[in-house]
């Protein structure tokens, strides 16, 4: 870790806050230790006392939307058990922002403006998931979805082909997670820079019953994989319909610093305590 990178990172954070503040966003802080993480296969939150360290502040921020806040953002630490590598760390910094009465296209416009404020004029490309898989993987996941094949091809064929600043948009409904479904696709996009995923955005699902169904299905899949069981956040599910409509995005700050500063490893973009191999 070079001190110059820390200074560069601090400048990025200042400009992010300045951009979002000027856009009328309110910075919030929600708990880092939570009782009920969103259940997602392959994403494990470390235990912490009677609860878990969050993988994302998403559920807590949506509770604020449900209680009347309109445009909010948060910068802070998040955690994922067992994620280590050149682009992964068990502890990382996430920026998330949410807007009521917006959709994923509005958030894409926000993201383009933020990247331009940080990196200057750059070219953005948008490609749909269907287009990407037909061109780079030779099949259409919308015709016959195969989760294992989809995940493998995403890592091996799709992501390496996404040069420059690229939005990968409109996912199969099987990949909706917490996103709203429109027709045959989920209103979701991810932003890549030279094959590295930086951000994940949704038009948010605001139907409590449907979100409960998806959470229960994810819990079943986690059990089948031998992963930890999480309690459902009943407060979140009860409040969710009060959001009405909203969209939001999660942006990995460490990877953003890597992209802007042309760093190759996440350890070069943040201060990390390196734990010895077990």
C-alpha atoms as a PDB file:
ATOM      1  CA  UNK A   1       0.000   0.000   0.000  1.00  0.00           C
ATOM      2  CA  UNK A   2       1.453   3.340  -1.107  1.00  0.00           C
ATOM      3  CA  UNK A   3       0.539   6.501   0.798  1.00  0.00           C
ATOM      4  CA  UNK A   4      -0.196   8.198  -2.526  1.00  0.00           C
ATOM      5  CA  UNK A   5      -2.996   5.678  -3.124  1.00  0.00           C
ATOM      6  CA  UNK A   6      -4.566   6.578   0.224  1.00  0.00           C
ATOM      7  CA  UNK A   7      -4.492  10.250  -0.768  1.00  0.00           C
ATOM      8  CA  UNK A   8      -6.000   9.392  -4.155  1.00  0.00           C
ATOM      9  CA  UNK A   9      -8.716   7.300  -2.472  1.00  0.00           C
ATOM     10  CA  UNK A  10      -9.533  10.127  -0.057  1.00  0.00           C
ATOM     11  CA  UNK A  11      -9.967  12.461  -3.030  1.00  0.00           C
ATOM     12  CA  UNK A  12     -12.329  10.006  -4.703  1.00  0.00           C
ATOM     13  CA  UNK A  13     -14.451   9.788  -1.560  1.00  0.00           C
ATOM     14  CA  UNK A  14     -14.594  13.584  -1.248  1.00  0.00           C
ATOM     15  CA  UNK A  15     -15.748  13.939  -4.851  1.00  0.00           C
ATOM     16  CA  UNK A  16     -18.362  11.207  -4.435  1.00  0.00           C
ATOM     17  CA  UNK A  17     -19.857  12.910  -1.398  1.00  0.00           C
ATOM     18  CA  UNK A  18     -19.763  16.297  -3.139  1.00  0.00           C
ATOM     19  CA  UNK A  19     -21.531  14.852  -6.191  1.00  0.00           C
ATOM     20  CA  UNK A  20     -24.275  13.132  -4.193  1.00  0.00           C
ATOM     21  CA  UNK A  21     -24.783  16.061  -1.826  1.00  0.00           C
ATOM     22  CA  UNK A  22     -25.188  18.390  -4.827  1.00  0.00           C
ATOM     23  CA  UNK A  23     -27.778  15.973  -6.242  1.00  0.00           C
ATOM     24  CA  UNK A  24     -29.897  16.430  -3.121  1.00  0.00           C
ATOM     25  CA  UNK A  25     -29.014  13.096  -1.524  1.00  0.00           C
ATOM     26  CA  UNK A  26     -28.926  12.744   2.251  1.00  0.00           C
ATOM     27  CA  UNK A  27     -26.061  10.735   3.743  1.00  0.00           C
ATOM     28  CA  UNK A  28     -27.243   8.154   6.287  1.00  0.00           C
ATOM     29  CA  UNK A  29     -25.659   5.572   8.561  1.00  0.00           C
ATOM     30  CA  UNK A  30     -27.313   2.252   9.363  1.00  0.00           C
ATOM     31  CA  UNK A  31     -26.087  -0.571  11.628  1.00  0.00           C
ATOM     32  CA  UNK A  32     -23.075  -2.611  10.577  1.00  0.00           C
ATOM     33  CA  UNK A  33     -24.171  -5.481  12.841  1.00  0.00           C
ATOM     34  CA  UNK A  34     -27.610  -6.762  11.865  1.00  0.00           C
ATOM     35  CA  UNK A  35     -29.884  -9.584  12.970  1.00  0.00           C
ATOM     36  CA  UNK A  36     -31.283 -10.727   9.605  1.00  0.00           C
ATOM     37  CA  UNK A  37     -29.189 -10.453   6.425  1.00  0.00           C
ATOM     38  CA  UNK A  38     -30.864 -10.829   3.029  1.00  0.00           C
ATOM     39  CA  UNK A  39     -30.545 -14.540   2.159  1.00  0.00           C
ATOM     40  CA  UNK A  40     -28.544 -14.943  -1.047  1.00  0.00           C
ATOM     41  CA  UNK A  41     -26.816 -18.152  -2.162  1.00  0.00           C
ATOM     42  CA  UNK A  42     -23.003 -17.908  -2.077  1.00  0.00           C
ATOM     43  CA  UNK A  43     -22.968 -14.680  -0.006  1.00  0.00           C
ATOM     44  CA  UNK A  44     -22.136 -15.393   3.646  1.00  0.00           C
ATOM     45  CA  UNK A  45     -22.123 -12.768   6.391  1.00  0.00           C
ATOM     46  CA  UNK A  46     -19.650 -13.288   9.259  1.00  0.00           C
ATOM     47  CA  UNK A  47     -21.238 -13.918  12.656  1.00  0.00           C
ATOM     48  CA  UNK A  48     -20.835 -11.152  15.214  1.00  0.00           C
ATOM     49  CA  UNK A  49     -22.240 -11.756  18.674  1.00  0.00           C
ATOM     50  CA  UNK A  50     -25.986 -12.375  18.401  1.00  0.00           C
ATOM     51  CA  UNK A  51     -26.067 -11.105  14.837  1.00  0.00           C
ATOM     52  CA  UNK A  52     -24.079 -10.815  11.610  1.00  0.00           C
ATOM     53  CA  UNK A  53     -21.826  -8.251   9.976  1.00  0.00           C
ATOM     54  CA  UNK A  54     -23.701  -6.898   6.979  1.00  0.00           C
ATOM     55  CA  UNK A  55     -22.907  -7.781   3.377  1.00  0.00           C
ATOM     56  CA  UNK A  56     -24.875  -4.693   2.360  1.00  0.00           C
ATOM     57  CA  UNK A  57     -26.920  -1.948   4.047  1.00  0.00           C
ATOM     58  CA  UNK A  58     -29.713  -2.468   1.502  1.00  0.00           C
ATOM     59  CA  UNK A  59     -32.533  -3.695   3.731  1.00  0.00           C
ATOM     60  CA  UNK A  60     -31.889  -1.067   6.384  1.00  0.00           C
ATOM     61  CA  UNK A  61     -31.790   1.734   3.797  1.00  0.00           C
ATOM     62  CA  UNK A  62     -35.064   0.597   2.257  1.00  0.00           C
ATOM     63  CA  UNK A  63     -36.646   0.785   5.696  1.00  0.00           C
ATOM     64  CA  UNK A  64     -35.720   4.482   5.694  1.00  0.00           C
ATOM     65  CA  UNK A  65     -37.380   4.925   2.286  1.00  0.00           C
ATOM     66  CA  UNK A  66     -40.508   3.262   3.659  1.00  0.00           C
ATOM     67  CA  UNK A  67     -40.535   5.752   6.537  1.00  0.00           C
ATOM     68  CA  UNK A  68     -40.484   8.769   4.228  1.00  0.00           C
ATOM     69  CA  UNK A  69     -36.921   9.483   3.098  1.00  0.00           C
ATOM     70  CA  UNK A  70     -36.644  10.019  -0.665  1.00  0.00           C
ATOM     71  CA  UNK A  71     -32.992  10.231  -1.777  1.00  0.00           C
ATOM     72  CA  UNK A  72     -30.350   8.661   0.450  1.00  0.00           C
ATOM     73  CA  UNK A  73     -26.805   7.340   0.240  1.00  0.00           C
ATOM     74  CA  UNK A  74     -24.360   5.534   2.499  1.00  0.00           C
ATOM     75  CA  UNK A  75     -20.609   4.922   2.385  1.00  0.00           C
ATOM     76  CA  UNK A  76     -19.309   2.291   4.743  1.00  0.00           C
ATOM     77  CA  UNK A  77     -17.815  -1.111   5.501  1.00  0.00           C
ATOM     78  CA  UNK A  78     -19.388  -4.390   4.412  1.00  0.00           C
ATOM     79  CA  UNK A  79     -18.297  -7.982   4.952  1.00  0.00           C
ATOM     80  CA  UNK A  80     -18.460 -11.308   3.128  1.00  0.00           C
ATOM     81  CA  UNK A  81     -17.113 -14.499   4.627  1.00  0.00           C
ATOM     82  CA  UNK A  82     -14.382 -16.283   2.685  1.00  0.00           C
ATOM     83  CA  UNK A  83     -13.974 -13.749  -0.141  1.00  0.00           C
ATOM     84  CA  UNK A  84     -10.278 -13.166  -0.741  1.00  0.00           C
ATOM     85  CA  UNK A  85      -8.293 -12.579  -3.910  1.00  0.00           C
ATOM     86  CA  UNK A  86      -7.035  -9.908  -6.268  1.00  0.00           C
ATOM     87  CA  UNK A  87     -10.533  -8.406  -6.564  1.00  0.00           C
ATOM     88  CA  UNK A  88     -12.134  -9.662  -3.339  1.00  0.00           C
ATOM     89  CA  UNK A  89     -11.727  -8.959   0.350  1.00  0.00           C
ATOM     90  CA  UNK A  90     -13.735 -10.163   3.336  1.00  0.00           C
ATOM     91  CA  UNK A  91     -14.015  -6.509   4.389  1.00  0.00           C
ATOM     92  CA  UNK A  92     -14.672  -3.877   1.751  1.00  0.00           C
ATOM     93  CA  UNK A  93     -16.219  -0.434   1.323  1.00  0.00           C
ATOM     94  CA  UNK A  94     -19.574  -0.018  -0.377  1.00  0.00           C
ATOM     95  CA  UNK A  95     -21.439   3.019  -1.655  1.00  0.00           C
ATOM     96  CA  UNK A  96     -25.190   2.578  -2.010  1.00  0.00           C
ATOM     97  CA  UNK A  97     -27.791   5.137  -3.001  1.00  0.00           C
ATOM     98  CA  UNK A  98     -31.562   4.866  -3.401  1.00  0.00           C
ATOM     99  CA  UNK A  99     -34.220   7.093  -4.932  1.00  0.00           C
ATOM    100  CA  UNK A 100     -37.971   6.780  -4.549  1.00  0.00           C
ATOM    101  CA  UNK A 101     -40.113   7.192  -7.684  1.00  0.00           C
ATOM    102  CA  UNK A 102     -37.170   6.148  -9.888  1.00  0.00           C
ATOM    103  CA  UNK A 103     -36.210   3.109 -11.945  1.00  0.00           C
ATOM    104  CA  UNK A 104     -32.965   1.434 -12.978  1.00  0.00           C
ATOM    105  CA  UNK A 105     -32.626   3.686 -16.029  1.00  0.00           C
ATOM    106  CA  UNK A 106     -32.638   6.754 -13.765  1.00  0.00           C
ATOM    107  CA  UNK A 107     -29.903   5.177 -11.639  1.00  0.00           C
ATOM    108  CA  UNK A 108     -27.901   4.434 -14.797  1.00  0.00           C
ATOM    109  CA  UNK A 109     -28.072   8.146 -15.627  1.00  0.00           C
ATOM    110  CA  UNK A 110     -26.843   8.922 -12.102  1.00  0.00           C
ATOM    111  CA  UNK A 111     -23.984   6.462 -12.474  1.00  0.00           C
ATOM    112  CA  UNK A 112     -22.844   7.882 -15.802  1.00  0.00           C
ATOM    113  CA  UNK A 113     -22.773  11.363 -14.285  1.00  0.00           C
ATOM    114  CA  UNK A 114     -20.834  10.163 -11.228  1.00  0.00           C
ATOM    115  CA  UNK A 115     -18.211   8.296 -13.282  1.00  0.00           C
ATOM    116  CA  UNK A 116     -17.834  11.336 -15.539  1.00  0.00           C
ATOM    117  CA  UNK A 117     -17.326  13.546 -12.477  1.00  0.00           C
ATOM    118  CA  UNK A 118     -14.589  11.190 -11.272  1.00  0.00           C
ATOM    119  CA  UNK A 119     -12.912  10.084 -14.509  1.00  0.00           C
ATOM    120  CA  UNK A 120     -13.722  12.828 -17.007  1.00  0.00           C
ATOM    121  CA  UNK A 121     -15.440  12.194 -20.325  1.00  0.00           C
ATOM    122  CA  UNK A 122     -15.519   8.463 -21.021  1.00  0.00           C
ATOM    123  CA  UNK A 123     -17.512   6.320 -23.425  1.00  0.00           C
ATOM    124  CA  UNK A 124     -20.212   4.075 -22.009  1.00  0.00           C
ATOM    125  CA  UNK A 125     -21.569   0.997 -23.716  1.00  0.00           C
ATOM    126  CA  UNK A 126     -24.782  -0.796 -22.815  1.00  0.00           C
ATOM    127  CA  UNK A 127     -25.298  -4.435 -23.790  1.00  0.00           C
ATOM    128  CA  UNK A 128     -28.147  -6.663 -22.698  1.00  0.00           C
ATOM    129  CA  UNK A 129     -27.516 -10.020 -21.054  1.00  0.00           C
ATOM    130  CA  UNK A 130     -29.242 -11.743 -23.973  1.00  0.00           C
ATOM    131  CA  UNK A 131     -26.998  -9.990 -26.510  1.00  0.00           C
ATOM    132  CA  UNK A 132     -23.858 -10.761 -24.501  1.00  0.00           C
ATOM    133  CA  UNK A 133     -24.604 -14.477 -24.111  1.00  0.00           C
ATOM    134  CA  UNK A 134     -25.569 -14.908 -27.746  1.00  0.00           C
ATOM    135  CA  UNK A 135     -22.401 -13.169 -28.934  1.00  0.00           C
ATOM    136  CA  UNK A 136     -19.803 -14.400 -26.457  1.00  0.00           C
ATOM    137  CA  UNK A 137     -21.215 -17.689 -25.121  1.00  0.00           C
ATOM    138  CA  UNK A 138     -23.252 -18.958 -28.072  1.00  0.00           C
ATOM    139  CA  UNK A 139     -26.562 -19.516 -26.276  1.00  0.00           C
ATOM    140  CA  UNK A 140     -29.604 -17.655 -24.987  1.00  0.00           C
ATOM    141  CA  UNK A 141     -30.278 -17.990 -21.241  1.00  0.00           C
ATOM    142  CA  UNK A 142     -33.772 -16.588 -21.767  1.00  0.00           C
ATOM    143  CA  UNK A 143     -34.778 -19.580 -23.859  1.00  0.00           C
ATOM    144  CA  UNK A 144     -33.649 -22.232 -21.401  1.00  0.00           C
ATOM    145  CA  UNK A 145     -32.046 -21.044 -18.192  1.00  0.00           C
ATOM    146  CA  UNK A 146     -29.222 -23.093 -16.672  1.00  0.00           C
ATOM    147  CA  UNK A 147     -27.821 -21.509 -13.484  1.00  0.00           C
ATOM    148  CA  UNK A 148     -24.509 -23.408 -13.450  1.00  0.00           C
ATOM    149  CA  UNK A 149     -23.854 -22.736 -17.132  1.00  0.00           C
ATOM    150  CA  UNK A 150     -24.927 -19.103 -16.732  1.00  0.00           C
ATOM    151  CA  UNK A 151     -22.521 -18.530 -13.818  1.00  0.00           C
ATOM    152  CA  UNK A 152     -19.615 -20.323 -15.500  1.00  0.00           C
ATOM    153  CA  UNK A 153     -20.004 -18.473 -18.784  1.00  0.00           C
ATOM    154  CA  UNK A 154     -20.401 -15.159 -16.972  1.00  0.00           C
ATOM    155  CA  UNK A 155     -17.003 -15.597 -15.315  1.00  0.00           C
ATOM    156  CA  UNK A 156     -15.159 -17.213 -18.228  1.00  0.00           C
ATOM    157  CA  UNK A 157     -16.729 -15.738 -21.383  1.00  0.00           C
ATOM    158  CA  UNK A 158     -18.892 -12.703 -20.677  1.00  0.00           C
ATOM    159  CA  UNK A 159     -16.987 -10.612 -18.142  1.00  0.00           C
ATOM    160  CA  UNK A 160     -13.606 -10.846 -19.950  1.00  0.00           C
ATOM    161  CA  UNK A 161     -15.310  -9.482 -23.091  1.00  0.00           C
ATOM    162  CA  UNK A 162     -16.678  -6.353 -21.386  1.00  0.00           C
ATOM    163  CA  UNK A 163     -14.028  -3.775 -22.244  1.00  0.00           C
ATOM    164  CA  UNK A 164     -14.095  -0.182 -21.076  1.00  0.00           C
ATOM    165  CA  UNK A 165     -17.094   1.144 -19.124  1.00  0.00           C
ATOM    166  CA  UNK A 166     -19.930  -1.264 -19.920  1.00  0.00           C
ATOM    167  CA  UNK A 167     -23.424  -1.662 -18.508  1.00  0.00           C
ATOM    168  CA  UNK A 168     -24.702  -5.257 -18.666  1.00  0.00           C
ATOM    169  CA  UNK A 169     -28.477  -4.913 -18.464  1.00  0.00           C
ATOM    170  CA  UNK A 170     -31.783  -6.804 -18.297  1.00  0.00           C
ATOM    171  CA  UNK A 171     -31.122 -10.096 -16.531  1.00  0.00           C
ATOM    172  CA  UNK A 172     -33.185 -13.307 -16.745  1.00  0.00           C
ATOM    173  CA  UNK A 173     -35.965 -13.429 -14.159  1.00  0.00           C
ATOM    174  CA  UNK A 174     -34.096 -16.243 -12.391  1.00  0.00           C
ATOM    175  CA  UNK A 175     -31.425 -13.652 -11.527  1.00  0.00           C
ATOM    176  CA  UNK A 176     -33.846 -11.003 -10.266  1.00  0.00           C
ATOM    177  CA  UNK A 177     -32.796 -11.159  -6.578  1.00  0.00           C
ATOM    178  CA  UNK A 178     -34.405  -7.998  -5.146  1.00  0.00           C
ATOM    179  CA  UNK A 179     -35.231  -6.476  -8.552  1.00  0.00           C
ATOM    180  CA  UNK A 180     -38.604  -5.825 -10.180  1.00  0.00           C
ATOM    181  CA  UNK A 181     -39.550  -8.027 -13.131  1.00  0.00           C
ATOM    182  CA  UNK A 182     -40.782  -6.460 -16.372  1.00  0.00           C
ATOM    183  CA  UNK A 183     -41.948  -8.842 -19.080  1.00  0.00           C
ATOM    184  CA  UNK A 184     -39.280 -11.517 -19.569  1.00  0.00           C
ATOM    185  CA  UNK A 185     -36.458  -9.752 -17.705  1.00  0.00           C
ATOM    186  CA  UNK A 186     -35.446  -8.340 -14.353  1.00  0.00           C
ATOM    187  CA  UNK A 187     -34.878  -4.577 -14.273  1.00  0.00           C
ATOM    188  CA  UNK A 188     -31.266  -4.938 -13.246  1.00  0.00           C
ATOM    189  CA  UNK A 189     -27.894  -3.829 -14.574  1.00  0.00           C
ATOM    190  CA  UNK A 190     -24.281  -4.225 -13.542  1.00  0.00           C
ATOM    191  CA  UNK A 191     -21.472  -1.816 -14.403  1.00  0.00           C
ATOM    192  CA  UNK A 192     -18.129  -3.232 -15.529  1.00  0.00           C
ATOM    193  CA  UNK A 193     -14.765  -1.647 -16.190  1.00  0.00           C
ATOM    194  CA  UNK A 194     -12.474  -3.788 -18.342  1.00  0.00           C
ATOM    195  CA  UNK A 195     -14.189  -6.971 -17.201  1.00  0.00           C
ATOM    196  CA  UNK A 196     -14.308  -6.093 -13.483  1.00  0.00           C
ATOM    197  CA  UNK A 197     -17.755  -5.730 -11.919  1.00  0.00           C
ATOM    198  CA  UNK A 198     -18.110  -2.424 -10.074  1.00  0.00           C
ATOM    199  CA  UNK A 199     -21.814  -1.947  -9.390  1.00  0.00           C
ATOM    200  CA  UNK A 200     -25.167  -3.723  -9.255  1.00  0.00           C
ATOM    201  CA  UNK A 201     -28.436  -1.802  -9.676  1.00  0.00           C
ATOM    202  CA  UNK A 202     -32.151  -2.644  -9.534  1.00  0.00           C
ATOM    203  CA  UNK A 203     -35.525  -1.166  -9.978  1.00  0.00           C
ATOM    204  CA  UNK A 204     -36.460  -2.345  -6.515  1.00  0.00           C
ATOM    205  CA  UNK A 205     -39.075  -4.992  -5.876  1.00  0.00           C
ATOM    206  CA  UNK A 206     -41.573  -3.353  -3.496  1.00  0.00           C
ATOM    207  CA  UNK A 207     -44.022  -6.255  -3.169  1.00  0.00           C
ATOM    208  CA  UNK A 208     -43.684  -7.730   0.318  1.00  0.00           C
ATOM    209  CA  UNK A 209     -45.374 -11.052  -0.521  1.00  0.00           C
ATOM    210  CA  UNK A 210     -43.217 -11.652  -3.602  1.00  0.00           C
ATOM    211  CA  UNK A 211     -40.066 -10.662  -1.706  1.00  0.00           C
ATOM    212  CA  UNK A 212     -40.966 -13.140   1.035  1.00  0.00           C
ATOM    213  CA  UNK A 213     -41.386 -15.872  -1.589  1.00  0.00           C
ATOM    214  CA  UNK A 214     -37.969 -15.089  -3.071  1.00  0.00           C
ATOM    215  CA  UNK A 215     -36.331 -14.973   0.355  1.00  0.00           C
ATOM    216  CA  UNK A 216     -37.802 -18.359   1.297  1.00  0.00           C
ATOM    217  CA  UNK A 217     -36.599 -19.862  -2.005  1.00  0.00           C
ATOM    218  CA  UNK A 218     -33.124 -18.435  -1.353  1.00  0.00           C
ATOM    219  CA  UNK A 219     -33.173 -19.893   2.168  1.00  0.00           C
ATOM    220  CA  UNK A 220     -33.983 -23.318   0.741  1.00  0.00           C
ATOM    221  CA  UNK A 221     -31.129 -23.034  -1.744  1.00  0.00           C
ATOM    222  CA  UNK A 222     -28.736 -21.970   1.042  1.00  0.00           C
ATOM    223  CA  UNK A 223     -29.735 -25.023   3.097  1.00  0.00           C
ATOM    224  CA  UNK A 224     -29.191 -27.300   0.102  1.00  0.00           C
ATOM    225  CA  UNK A 225     -25.699 -25.819  -0.284  1.00  0.00           C
ATOM    226  CA  UNK A 226     -24.923 -26.285   3.423  1.00  0.00           C
ATOM    227  CA  UNK A 227     -24.771 -22.538   4.050  1.00  0.00           C
ATOM    228  CA  UNK A 228     -25.832 -20.752   7.236  1.00  0.00           C
ATOM    229  CA  UNK A 229     -29.530 -20.171   7.828  1.00  0.00           C
ATOM    230  CA  UNK A 230     -30.619 -16.547   8.339  1.00  0.00           C
ATOM    231  CA  UNK A 231     -33.850 -15.380   9.992  1.00  0.00           C
ATOM    232  CA  UNK A 232     -36.177 -13.332   7.815  1.00  0.00           C
ATOM    233  CA  UNK A 233     -36.239  -9.593   8.449  1.00  0.00           C
ATOM    234  CA  UNK A 234     -39.956  -9.330   9.206  1.00  0.00           C
ATOM    235  CA  UNK A 235     -39.768  -5.575   9.774  1.00  0.00           C
ATOM    236  CA  UNK A 236     -38.310  -5.098   6.289  1.00  0.00           C
ATOM    237  CA  UNK A 237     -40.978  -7.295   4.679  1.00  0.00           C
ATOM    238  CA  UNK A 238     -43.758  -5.404   6.493  1.00  0.00           C
ATOM    239  CA  UNK A 239     -42.397  -1.976   5.529  1.00  0.00           C
ATOM    240  CA  UNK A 240     -41.445  -2.780   1.924  1.00  0.00           C
ATOM    241  CA  UNK A 241     -44.856  -1.998   0.328  1.00  0.00           C
ATOM    242  CA  UNK A 242     -44.713   1.485   1.881  1.00  0.00           C
ATOM    243  CA  UNK A 243     -41.722   2.304  -0.351  1.00  0.00           C
ATOM    244  CA  UNK A 244     -44.095   2.455  -3.322  1.00  0.00           C
ATOM    245  CA  UNK A 245     -41.482   2.534  -6.071  1.00  0.00           C
ATOM    246  CA  UNK A 246     -37.721   3.027  -5.948  1.00  0.00           C
ATOM    247  CA  UNK A 247     -34.400   2.172  -7.518  1.00  0.00           C
ATOM    248  CA  UNK A 248     -30.914   1.847  -6.122  1.00  0.00           C
ATOM    249  CA  UNK A 249     -27.360   0.740  -6.698  1.00  0.00           C
ATOM    250  CA  UNK A 250     -24.431  -0.753  -4.793  1.00  0.00           C
ATOM    251  CA  UNK A 251     -20.977   0.385  -5.958  1.00  0.00           C
ATOM    252  CA  UNK A 252     -17.763  -1.198  -4.687  1.00  0.00           C
ATOM    253  CA  UNK A 253     -15.453   1.654  -3.700  1.00  0.00           C
ATOM    254  CA  UNK A 254     -12.266  -0.421  -3.559  1.00  0.00           C
ATOM    255  CA  UNK A 255     -12.779  -1.704  -7.103  1.00  0.00           C
ATOM    256  CA  UNK A 256     -13.691   1.797  -8.262  1.00  0.00           C
ATOM    257  CA  UNK A 257     -10.392   3.081  -6.864  1.00  0.00           C
ATOM    258  CA  UNK A 258      -8.649   0.192  -8.643  1.00  0.00           C
ATOM    259  CA  UNK A 259     -10.278   1.198 -11.936  1.00  0.00           C
ATOM    260  CA  UNK A 260      -9.612   4.919 -11.596  1.00  0.00           C
ATOM    261  CA  UNK A 261      -6.084   4.468 -10.247  1.00  0.00           C
ATOM    262  CA  UNK A 262      -5.141   1.603 -12.558  1.00  0.00           C
ATOM    263  CA  UNK A 263      -4.351  -0.729  -9.669  1.00  0.00           C
ATOM    264  CA  UNK A 264      -4.319  -4.499 -10.160  1.00  0.00           C
ATOM    265  CA  UNK A 265      -5.157  -5.794  -6.678  1.00  0.00           C
ATOM    266  CA  UNK A 266      -7.723  -4.743  -4.116  1.00  0.00           C
ATOM    267  CA  UNK A 267      -4.972  -4.683  -1.494  1.00  0.00           C
ATOM    268  CA  UNK A 268      -3.434  -1.784  -3.442  1.00  0.00           C
ATOM    269  CA  UNK A 269      -6.660   0.243  -3.181  1.00  0.00           C
ATOM    270  CA  UNK A 270      -7.371   0.026   0.569  1.00  0.00           C
ATOM    271  CA  UNK A 271      -5.673  -0.687   3.888  1.00  0.00           C
ATOM    272  CA  UNK A 272      -5.992  -4.404   4.605  1.00  0.00           C
ATOM    273  CA  UNK A 273      -4.905  -6.493   7.530  1.00  0.00           C
ATOM    274  CA  UNK A 274      -3.572  -9.641   5.894  1.00  0.00           C
ATOM    275  CA  UNK A 275      -4.574 -12.742   7.800  1.00  0.00           C
ATOM    276  CA  UNK A 276      -2.279 -15.766   7.629  1.00  0.00           C
ATOM    277  CA  UNK A 277      -3.403 -18.788   5.635  1.00  0.00           C
ATOM    278  CA  UNK A 278      -5.120 -21.425   7.764  1.00  0.00           C
END
